[in-house]
Amino acid sequence: MPIPKRKSHAYAVLLSALVGSLGACASLPRTPYAAGESAAAEVAGIPGARAFSDASVETFTAMLSNASARNRPFSYLALSGGGGDGAYGAGIMNGWAAAGTRPEFSLVSGVSTGALIAQFAFLGPAYDLVLTEIYTSGVAES
């Protein structure tokens, strides 16, 4: 007995949905990662760039002495959030560089939109055009 065309179409749709949903159950194998590995992670090309707030006093003393040996003052920058008003912080970075008084930062930290600005502030004025593009093109809104 032949299957009516309408039912065969419904079966085909059902079978396609079933096959498609089974594919969603599959996953790629993940590389195991232990929490202890995070302490050993390094920024590529910048050994010793990471320090944790609960590190020993000796760790921070060593960082200070390394900076002193390079005859370079420590300059810190902390940037807050602000959502859409983060463009103001980007403008400050550009204006500061244009004035010629923006230091080379030793440490930069930021929260929310401040974290977006922080990486470019750390890299220096050479990246100010990229920072401006982020806040004027609408990319930062999404």
Protein backbone atom coordinates (compact mmCIF):
# COMPACT_ATOMS: atom_id res chain seq x y z
CA MET A 1 0.00 0.00 0.00
CA PRO A 2 1.56 3.31 -1.04
CA ILE A 3 1.98 6.10 1.53
CA PRO A 4 -0.09 9.18 0.68
CA LYS A 5 2.03 12.05 -0.62
CA ARG A 6 0.98 14.33 2.23
CA LYS A 7 2.13 11.82 4.88
CA SER A 8 5.41 11.11 3.10
CA HIS A 9 6.15 14.85 3.10
CA ALA A 10 5.38 15.01 6.83
CA TYR A 11 7.67 12.01 7.45
CA ALA A 12 10.46 13.67 5.47
CA VAL A 13 10.12 16.87 7.50
CA LEU A 14 10.05 14.89 10.75
CA LEU A 15 13.10 12.86 9.72
CA SER A 16 15.00 16.04 8.73
CA ALA A 17 14.16 17.65 12.07
CA LEU A 18 15.28 14.53 13.93
CA VAL A 19 18.58 14.33 12.06
CA GLY A 20 19.17 18.06 12.56
CA SER A 21 18.48 17.90 16.28
CA LEU A 22 20.78 14.89 16.73
CA GLY A 23 23.59 16.92 15.20
CA ALA A 24 23.05 19.52 17.90
CA CYS A 25 23.81 16.87 20.52
CA ALA A 26 27.30 16.32 19.14
CA SER A 27 30.24 18.27 20.51
CA LEU A 28 33.89 18.66 19.71
CA PRO A 29 36.40 17.18 22.14
CA ARG A 30 37.70 19.75 24.61
CA THR A 31 41.26 20.09 25.78
CA PRO A 32 41.34 19.40 29.52
CA TYR A 33 42.10 22.51 31.56
CA ALA A 34 42.92 22.45 35.24
CA ALA A 35 42.36 25.49 37.44
CA GLY A 36 46.03 25.41 38.43
CA GLU A 37 47.02 26.09 34.81
CA SER A 38 45.58 29.60 35.00
CA ALA A 39 48.35 30.61 37.40
CA ALA A 40 50.98 29.47 34.90
CA ALA A 41 49.38 31.11 31.84
CA GLU A 42 51.49 33.83 30.25
CA VAL A 43 50.89 36.58 27.76
CA ALA A 44 52.66 35.59 24.54
CA GLY A 45 55.91 37.49 24.17
CA ILE A 46 55.60 39.25 27.54
CA PRO A 47 56.82 36.90 30.27
CA GLY A 48 55.89 37.97 33.79
CA ALA A 49 53.15 40.34 32.57
CA ARG A 50 50.47 38.83 34.79
CA ALA A 51 50.21 39.40 38.50
CA PHE A 52 47.31 38.54 40.76
CA SER A 53 46.02 40.74 43.56
CA ASP A 54 46.61 37.97 46.09
CA ALA A 55 50.24 37.48 45.02
CA SER A 56 52.97 37.79 47.62
CA VAL A 57 54.57 41.10 48.50
CA GLU A 58 57.80 39.76 47.00
CA THR A 59 56.12 39.45 43.60
CA PHE A 60 55.17 43.12 43.56
CA THR A 61 58.52 44.18 45.00
CA ALA A 62 60.25 42.34 42.14
CA MET A 63 58.01 44.13 39.64
CA LEU A 64 58.90 47.48 41.16
CA SER A 65 62.62 46.76 41.14
CA ASN A 66 62.43 45.61 37.50
CA ALA A 67 60.71 48.88 36.56
CA SER A 68 63.27 50.89 38.52
CA ALA A 69 66.08 49.08 36.70
CA ARG A 70 64.61 50.27 33.39
CA ASN A 71 64.58 53.87 34.70
CA ARG A 72 60.92 54.14 33.86
CA PRO A 73 58.34 55.47 36.30
CA PHE A 74 55.26 53.45 37.10
CA SER A 75 52.11 54.94 35.58
CA TYR A 76 48.79 53.36 36.49
CA LEU A 77 45.43 53.89 34.83
CA ALA A 78 42.09 52.59 36.13
CA LEU A 79 39.05 53.00 33.88
CA SER A 80 35.47 52.59 35.03
CA GLY A 81 32.47 51.48 33.03
CA GLY A 82 29.83 53.79 31.69
CA GLY A 83 28.10 52.01 28.84
CA GLY A 84 27.57 54.35 25.92
CA ASP A 85 29.42 57.09 27.77
CA GLY A 86 32.60 55.04 27.36
CA ALA A 87 33.24 57.13 24.26
CA TYR A 88 34.12 59.93 26.69
CA GLY A 89 37.03 57.84 28.04
CA ALA A 90 38.19 57.12 24.50
CA GLY A 91 38.11 60.86 23.79
CA ILE A 92 40.19 61.54 26.89
CA MET A 93 42.84 59.08 25.67
CA ASN A 94 42.96 60.80 22.27
CA GLY A 95 43.08 64.29 23.77
CA TRP A 96 45.73 63.30 26.27
CA ALA A 97 47.93 61.97 23.46
CA ALA A 98 47.30 65.08 21.33
CA ALA A 99 48.41 67.26 24.25
CA GLY A 100 51.65 65.27 24.37
CA THR A 101 51.40 64.55 28.09
CA ARG A 102 50.02 61.01 28.00
CA PRO A 103 52.43 58.67 29.79
CA GLU A 104 53.40 55.16 28.79
CA PHE A 105 51.33 53.12 31.21
CA SER A 106 52.87 50.34 33.28
CA LEU A 107 49.51 48.95 34.32
CA VAL A 108 46.01 49.54 32.98
CA SER A 109 42.79 48.09 34.35
CA GLY A 110 39.19 48.60 33.36
CA VAL A 111 35.65 47.46 33.97
CA SER A 112 33.00 47.05 31.28
CA THR A 113 33.59 49.64 28.56
CA GLY A 114 36.69 50.72 30.49
CA ALA A 115 38.12 47.26 29.81
CA LEU A 116 37.63 47.85 26.08
CA ILE A 117 39.56 51.12 26.33
CA ALA A 118 42.22 49.70 28.69
CA GLN A 119 43.95 47.50 26.14
CA PHE A 120 44.37 50.39 23.69
CA ALA A 121 45.48 52.77 26.45
CA PHE A 122 48.17 50.26 27.40
CA LEU A 123 49.33 49.83 23.80
CA GLY A 124 49.76 53.59 23.42
CA PRO A 125 48.79 56.44 21.09
CA ALA A 126 49.62 54.38 17.98
CA TYR A 127 46.28 52.60 18.56
CA ASP A 128 44.15 55.70 19.17
CA LEU A 129 42.69 55.57 15.65
CA VAL A 130 41.47 52.02 16.30
CA LEU A 131 39.97 53.14 19.62
CA THR A 132 38.23 56.06 17.91
CA GLU A 133 36.84 53.75 15.22
CA ILE A 134 35.39 51.40 17.85
CA TYR A 135 33.40 54.19 19.50
CA THR A 136 32.39 56.11 16.36
CA SER A 137 31.44 53.22 14.07
CA GLY A 138 28.77 51.80 16.35
CA VAL A 139 30.69 48.56 17.00
CA ALA A 140 30.84 49.26 20.76
CA GLU A 141 27.04 49.53 20.93
CA SER A 142 26.49 45.88 20.06
